[in-house]
Amino acid sequence: MSPIRSPQVGPRSGLRRDMNPAQEGLGALIAFIAEGFSMGTELDLFHFDGDRPNFEACGQQNGFKFWCASKLMECLGYTTMGPILKAVNNAIAACATLGIPINDNFQEMNHPEHGRDWKLSRFACYMTVMNGDARNAKVAQAQAYFITMAEAFRQYVQEADGVERVLIRGEMVDREKALSGTASAHGVENYAFFQNAGYRGMYNMDLAQIRVKKAVPAGRSPLDFMGKTELAANLFRITQTDEKIRNESIRGQKPLERTAEQVGKKVRDTMISLSGTKPESLPRAPDLREVQKGIKRSAREYQKLGSPTKSAKE
């Protein structure tokens, strides 16, 4: 193999200093891929060289092959469990949204040194790593390793972005229900008009026009064709509308519609001020249902990899 090096993120890396964290993270991983699997020598476990210690050797077998979250913490170069536990929680939330069995992939346990710990299936490791911070060179390295195992780096951006989209979309379902309940309790009789007012404020167009602009199929929500930035903005709009209604005790169909539109416009103005991009100008994202199918397909592939072989069973 060629000499091993770590991807550099900093003044000499060629990454622009005005990049946001997501762009920096993607840049770090792209730089890592471009350098031909150039990985750090320090605890270098995410590789496919069978002659050296690797991540596979860190797994344990007890009914199914698993890795402890505390071991994953060490592999990723962390010194505390905080970042790993946060990533595990996000991974569990994503699996719950996708209908992927939690107990088959995540089993809580106690570690004598670290306290709360988890037994993670191979797929759970994948989901945990994908919810990690790719600005960390070792996390970027691990993400590359798992994506290579699943689909040979195919569509990295869609994979990482898709996991976040699934998480945000799942939370939006809950927040929409909460807003619907609040609006109803405060006098909204026609929720469709109220909902449309929020979209009109944010997009400067009605929901029907948004559907046409994004080529949303009949019977589907425009939210299923939004990228994570747009989804996050809409999640913020929904939560802030709920907060404003309850905090100011706004009542009545028309006043509530005005409130929804005002909050939507505030979010719109903020987005334009920060990024210069209007919400309606954000690109249409791949169908979230297809993204979910892809993640579920990865789950099945990882499950096959973690299953005992026929000879091992015998």
Protein backbone atom coordinates (compact mmCIF):
# COMPACT_ATOMS: atom_id res chain seq x y z
CA MET A 1 0.00 0.00 0.00
CA SER A 2 1.05 3.62 -0.50
CA PRO A 3 2.27 5.67 2.47
CA ILE A 4 -0.51 6.52 4.90
CA ARG A 5 -1.42 10.09 5.71
CA SER A 6 -4.29 11.87 7.42
CA PRO A 7 -6.50 14.31 5.49
CA GLN A 8 -5.69 17.87 6.57
CA VAL A 9 -8.41 20.33 7.50
CA GLY A 10 -7.01 23.80 8.04
CA PRO A 11 -5.05 26.58 6.39
CA ARG A 12 -3.03 24.20 4.22
CA SER A 13 -5.84 21.90 3.23
CA GLY A 14 -7.11 24.00 0.36
CA LEU A 15 -10.53 24.22 2.01
CA ARG A 16 -12.01 27.69 1.93
CA ARG A 17 -12.20 29.46 5.28
CA ASP A 18 -15.72 30.75 4.50
CA MET A 19 -17.15 27.25 4.24
CA ASN A 20 -19.89 26.32 6.68
CA PRO A 21 -19.38 23.24 8.93
CA ALA A 22 -21.31 20.94 6.58
CA GLN A 23 -19.24 22.06 3.60
CA GLU A 24 -16.02 21.67 5.59
CA GLY A 25 -17.05 18.17 6.63
CA LEU A 26 -17.83 17.17 3.07
CA GLY A 27 -14.59 18.79 1.92
CA ALA A 28 -12.62 16.78 4.45
CA LEU A 29 -14.15 13.52 3.26
CA ILE A 30 -13.74 14.37 -0.42
CA ALA A 31 -10.10 15.25 0.23
CA PHE A 32 -9.67 11.94 2.00
CA ILE A 33 -11.22 9.99 -0.89
CA ALA A 34 -9.16 11.89 -3.47
CA GLU A 35 -5.94 11.00 -1.65
CA GLY A 36 -6.59 7.32 -2.26
CA PHE A 37 -7.52 5.98 1.18
CA SER A 38 -4.75 8.00 2.82
CA MET A 39 -5.47 7.28 6.49
CA GLY A 40 -3.79 8.31 9.72
CA THR A 41 -1.25 5.93 11.22
CA GLU A 42 -2.59 6.62 14.70
CA LEU A 43 -5.14 3.89 15.53
CA ASP A 44 -5.69 3.25 11.84
CA LEU A 45 -8.48 0.66 11.87
CA PHE A 46 -10.80 1.68 9.04
CA HIS A 47 -9.20 -0.14 6.12
CA PHE A 48 -9.50 -3.42 4.23
CA ASP A 49 -5.96 -4.72 4.65
CA GLY A 50 -6.27 -8.13 6.32
CA ASP A 51 -2.60 -8.10 7.33
CA ARG A 52 -3.08 -5.22 9.78
CA PRO A 53 -5.41 -4.75 12.76
CA ASN A 54 -8.70 -3.35 11.53
CA PHE A 55 -12.20 -2.47 12.66
CA GLU A 56 -13.46 -6.01 12.06
CA ALA A 57 -11.08 -7.33 14.72
CA CYS A 58 -12.68 -5.00 17.29
CA GLY A 59 -16.02 -6.80 17.03
CA GLN A 60 -17.31 -9.45 19.40
CA GLN A 61 -19.61 -12.39 18.83
CA ASN A 62 -22.48 -13.26 21.14
CA GLY A 63 -25.50 -14.36 19.15
CA PHE A 64 -24.65 -11.66 16.61
CA LYS A 65 -21.51 -9.74 15.81
CA PHE A 66 -21.37 -6.44 17.64
CA TRP A 67 -19.07 -3.58 18.51
CA CYS A 68 -19.24 -1.65 21.78
CA ALA A 69 -19.93 2.06 21.44
CA SER A 70 -17.04 2.63 23.85
CA LYS A 71 -14.71 0.81 21.44
CA LEU A 72 -16.08 2.86 18.54
CA MET A 73 -15.32 5.95 20.62
CA GLU A 74 -11.67 4.87 20.83
CA CYS A 75 -11.53 4.01 17.13
CA LEU A 76 -12.73 7.50 16.26
CA GLY A 77 -10.20 9.15 18.55
CA TYR A 78 -12.65 10.54 21.09
CA THR A 79 -11.76 10.66 24.79
CA THR A 80 -15.32 10.89 26.13
CA MET A 81 -18.56 9.08 25.36
CA GLY A 82 -20.56 12.27 24.80
CA PRO A 83 -20.16 12.60 21.00
CA ILE A 84 -20.72 8.86 20.47
CA LEU A 85 -23.85 8.70 22.63
CA LYS A 86 -25.27 11.70 20.77
CA ALA A 87 -24.60 10.01 17.43
CA VAL A 88 -26.10 6.73 18.70
CA ASN A 89 -29.28 8.53 19.80
CA ASN A 90 -29.63 10.13 16.37
CA ALA A 91 -29.00 6.77 14.70
CA ILE A 92 -31.72 5.13 16.82
CA ALA A 93 -34.13 7.93 15.93
CA ALA A 94 -33.40 7.45 12.23
CA CYS A 95 -33.94 3.68 12.47
CA ALA A 96 -37.22 4.22 14.34
CA THR A 97 -38.41 6.56 11.59
CA LEU A 98 -37.46 4.00 8.93
CA GLY A 99 -39.07 1.09 10.77
CA ILE A 100 -35.73 -0.72 11.16
CA PRO A 101 -35.80 -2.95 14.28
CA ILE A 102 -34.00 -1.18 17.12
CA ASN A 103 -33.31 -4.24 19.28
CA ASP A 104 -31.69 -6.07 16.36
CA ASN A 105 -29.11 -3.32 16.05
CA PHE A 106 -28.82 -1.46 19.37
CA GLN A 107 -28.64 -3.09 22.82
CA GLU A 108 -27.92 -0.94 25.86
CA MET A 109 -25.31 -2.15 28.33
CA ASN A 110 -23.05 -0.89 31.13
CA HIS A 111 -19.30 -0.52 30.77
CA PRO A 112 -17.15 -0.81 33.93
CA GLU A 113 -15.18 2.30 32.96
CA HIS A 114 -17.46 4.39 30.77
CA GLY A 115 -20.83 3.62 32.35
CA ARG A 116 -23.66 3.70 29.83
CA ASP A 117 -22.67 1.84 26.68
CA TRP A 118 -24.25 0.14 23.66
CA LYS A 119 -23.78 -3.08 21.72
CA LEU A 120 -23.93 -1.99 18.09
CA SER A 121 -24.53 -4.17 15.06
CA ARG A 122 -22.49 -3.45 11.95
CA PHE A 123 -25.40 -1.41 10.58
CA ALA A 124 -25.73 0.44 13.90
CA CYS A 125 -22.04 1.35 13.63
CA TYR A 126 -22.68 2.60 10.11
CA MET A 127 -25.64 4.74 11.20
CA THR A 128 -23.74 6.05 14.23
CA VAL A 129 -20.71 7.01 12.17
CA MET A 130 -22.91 8.66 9.52
CA ASN A 131 -24.35 10.82 12.32
CA GLY A 132 -20.85 11.83 13.43
CA ASP A 133 -18.99 15.03 12.64
CA ALA A 134 -17.13 14.57 9.34
CA ARG A 135 -14.87 17.52 10.20
CA ASN A 136 -13.17 15.03 12.52
CA ALA A 137 -10.67 13.29 10.20
CA LYS A 138 -11.22 9.90 11.84
CA VAL A 139 -14.99 10.19 11.51
CA ALA A 140 -14.55 11.10 7.84
CA GLN A 141 -12.29 8.08 7.48
CA ALA A 142 -14.83 5.80 9.16
CA GLN A 143 -17.66 7.16 7.00
CA ALA A 144 -15.63 6.39 3.91
CA TYR A 145 -14.90 2.89 5.21
CA PHE A 146 -18.56 2.04 5.83
CA ILE A 147 -19.79 3.55 2.58
CA THR A 148 -17.14 1.60 0.70
CA MET A 149 -18.32 -1.59 2.35
CA ALA A 150 -21.93 -0.88 1.43
CA GLU A 151 -21.76 0.64 -2.05
CA ALA A 152 -18.16 1.50 -2.94
CA PHE A 153 -18.46 5.25 -2.25
CA ARG A 154 -21.57 5.45 -4.44
CA GLN A 155 -23.47 8.67 -3.86
CA TYR A 156 -21.78 9.74 -0.61
CA VAL A 157 -23.56 13.07 -0.52
CA GLN A 158 -26.97 11.44 -0.90
CA GLU A 159 -26.13 8.85 1.78
CA ALA A 160 -25.00 11.32 4.44
CA ASP A 161 -27.53 13.98 3.51
CA GLY A 162 -30.27 11.34 3.30
CA VAL A 163 -29.80 10.17 6.87
CA GLU A 164 -30.21 13.75 8.10
CA ARG A 165 -33.23 14.30 5.87
CA VAL A 166 -34.90 11.20 7.33
CA LEU A 167 -34.27 12.46 10.86
CA ILE A 168 -35.59 15.96 10.19
CA ARG A 169 -38.61 14.67 8.25
CA GLY A 170 -39.48 12.34 11.12
CA GLU A 171 -39.34 15.19 13.61
CA MET A 172 -41.48 17.34 11.34
CA VAL A 173 -44.30 14.81 11.50
CA ASP A 174 -44.39 15.17 15.28
CA ARG A 175 -44.11 18.97 15.17
CA GLU A 176 -46.86 19.27 12.56
CA LYS A 177 -49.16 17.24 14.80
CA ALA A 178 -48.32 19.53 17.72
CA LEU A 179 -48.98 22.66 15.63
CA SER A 180 -52.26 21.21 14.35
CA GLY A 181 -53.38 20.60 17.94
CA THR A 182 -52.38 24.10 19.04
CA ALA A 183 -54.05 25.74 16.04
CA SER A 184 -57.25 23.77 16.56
CA ALA A 185 -57.34 24.66 20.27
CA HIS A 186 -56.96 28.35 19.37
CA GLY A 187 -59.75 28.47 16.82
CA VAL A 188 -58.50 27.23 13.46
CA GLU A 189 -61.38 25.59 11.62
CA ASN A 190 -59.77 25.21 8.21
CA TYR A 191 -56.26 23.85 8.77
CA ALA A 192 -55.46 23.75 5.03
CA PHE A 193 -55.84 27.56 4.81
CA PHE A 194 -53.75 27.99 7.97
CA GLN A 195 -51.03 25.67 6.63
CA ASN A 196 -51.01 27.40 3.25
CA ALA A 197 -50.49 30.77 4.97
CA GLY A 198 -47.26 29.52 6.53
CA TYR A 199 -45.94 28.30 3.18
CA ARG A 200 -47.04 31.54 1.48
CA GLY A 201 -45.06 33.60 3.97
CA MET A 202 -41.91 31.52 3.53
CA TYR A 203 -42.04 30.91 -0.23
CA ASN A 204 -43.96 33.97 -1.46
CA MET A 205 -46.28 31.53 -3.22
CA ASP A 206 -49.13 29.21 -2.30
CA LEU A 207 -48.67 25.52 -1.56
CA ALA A 208 -50.22 24.55 -4.91
CA GLN A 209 -47.61 26.68 -6.71
CA ILE A 210 -44.81 25.10 -4.66
CA ARG A 211 -46.05 21.66 -5.67
CA VAL A 212 -45.89 22.62 -9.35
CA LYS A 213 -42.46 24.27 -9.02
CA LYS A 214 -40.97 21.20 -7.32
CA ALA A 215 -42.85 18.74 -9.57
CA VAL A 216 -44.39 17.01 -6.56
CA PRO A 217 -46.52 13.98 -7.57
CA ALA A 218 -50.19 13.98 -6.62
CA GLY A 219 -50.81 12.76 -3.11
CA ARG A 220 -47.25 13.47 -1.94
CA SER A 221 -45.93 16.19 0.35
CA PRO A 222 -43.43 18.78 -0.96
CA LEU A 223 -41.44 18.04 2.21
CA ASP A 224 -40.45 14.68 0.70
CA PHE A 225 -38.58 16.51 -2.07
CA MET A 226 -36.72 19.05 0.06
CA GLY A 227 -33.05 18.89 1.01
CA LYS A 228 -31.95 19.05 4.63
CA THR A 229 -31.45 22.85 4.62
CA GLU A 230 -34.97 23.45 3.36
CA LEU A 231 -36.45 20.84 5.69
CA ALA A 232 -34.65 22.36 8.68
CA ALA A 233 -35.96 25.82 7.75
CA ASN A 234 -39.52 24.50 7.56
CA LEU A 235 -39.09 22.69 10.87
CA PHE A 236 -38.01 25.98 12.43
CA ARG A 237 -41.01 27.75 10.85
CA ILE A 238 -43.43 25.18 12.27
CA THR A 239 -41.97 25.19 15.79
CA GLN A 240 -41.82 29.00 15.95
CA THR A 241 -45.40 29.33 14.72
CA ASP A 242 -46.50 26.97 17.48
CA GLU A 243 -44.50 28.92 20.08
CA LYS A 244 -45.85 32.31 18.97
CA ILE A 245 -49.47 31.15 19.04
CA ARG A 246 -49.17 29.73 22.54
CA ASN A 247 -47.02 32.51 23.98
CA GLU A 248 -49.24 35.31 22.65
CA SER A 249 -52.52 33.39 23.02
CA ILE A 250 -53.55 34.26 19.47
CA ARG A 251 -57.07 33.10 18.60
CA GLY A 252 -59.32 32.93 15.57
CA GLN A 253 -58.89 31.63 12.00
CA LYS A 254 -57.77 34.88 10.35
CA PRO A 255 -55.41 36.06 13.14
CA LEU A 256 -53.80 32.62 13.20
CA GLU A 257 -53.38 32.63 9.42
CA ARG A 258 -51.69 36.04 9.66
CA THR A 259 -49.40 34.70 12.38
CA ALA A 260 -48.40 31.67 10.29
CA GLU A 261 -47.67 33.93 7.32
CA GLN A 262 -45.66 36.40 9.44
CA VAL A 263 -43.47 33.65 10.89
CA GLY A 264 -42.97 32.15 7.43
CA LYS A 265 -41.86 35.55 6.10
CA LYS A 266 -39.42 35.97 9.02
CA VAL A 267 -37.82 32.63 8.17
CA ARG A 268 -37.69 33.62 4.49
CA ASP A 269 -36.01 36.96 5.25
CA THR A 270 -33.48 35.24 7.53
CA MET A 271 -32.55 32.68 4.88
CA ILE A 272 -32.11 35.37 2.22
CA SER A 273 -30.08 37.51 4.62
CA LEU A 274 -27.75 34.67 5.61
CA SER A 275 -27.29 32.78 2.33
CA GLY A 276 -28.69 35.04 -0.36
CA THR A 277 -30.92 32.17 -1.51
CA LYS A 278 -34.70 32.32 -1.63
CA PRO A 279 -36.44 29.18 -0.28
CA GLU A 280 -38.20 28.60 -3.61
CA SER A 281 -34.82 28.65 -5.37
CA LEU A 282 -33.42 25.71 -3.40
CA PRO A 283 -33.02 22.63 -5.62
CA ARG A 284 -35.46 19.74 -5.60
CA ALA A 285 -34.01 16.83 -3.62
CA PRO A 286 -34.34 13.12 -4.50
CA ASP A 287 -37.57 11.48 -3.37
CA LEU A 288 -37.21 10.78 0.36
CA ARG A 289 -39.00 7.45 -0.05
CA GLU A 290 -36.23 6.29 -2.38
CA VAL A 291 -33.62 7.53 0.12
CA GLN A 292 -35.37 5.53 2.85
CA LYS A 293 -35.38 2.44 0.63
CA GLY A 294 -31.65 2.87 0.06
CA ILE A 295 -30.93 3.08 3.79
CA LYS A 296 -33.11 0.03 4.45
CA ARG A 297 -31.27 -1.82 1.68
CA SER A 298 -27.99 -0.96 3.39
CA ALA A 299 -29.44 -2.30 6.64
CA ARG A 300 -30.16 -5.65 5.00
CA GLU A 301 -26.69 -5.80 3.47
CA TYR A 302 -25.02 -5.04 6.80
CA GLN A 303 -27.22 -7.65 8.48
CA LYS A 304 -25.97 -10.25 5.99
CA LEU A 305 -22.37 -9.26 6.72
CA GLY A 306 -22.97 -9.62 10.46
CA SER A 307 -24.73 -12.98 10.25
CA PRO A 308 -22.73 -16.12 11.11
CA THR A 309 -21.65 -18.10 8.07
CA LYS A 310 -23.00 -21.58 7.45
CA SER A 311 -19.71 -23.18 8.49
CA ALA A 312 -19.61 -21.07 11.65
CA LYS A 313 -23.11 -22.26 12.58
CA GLU A 314 -22.04 -25.87 12.13
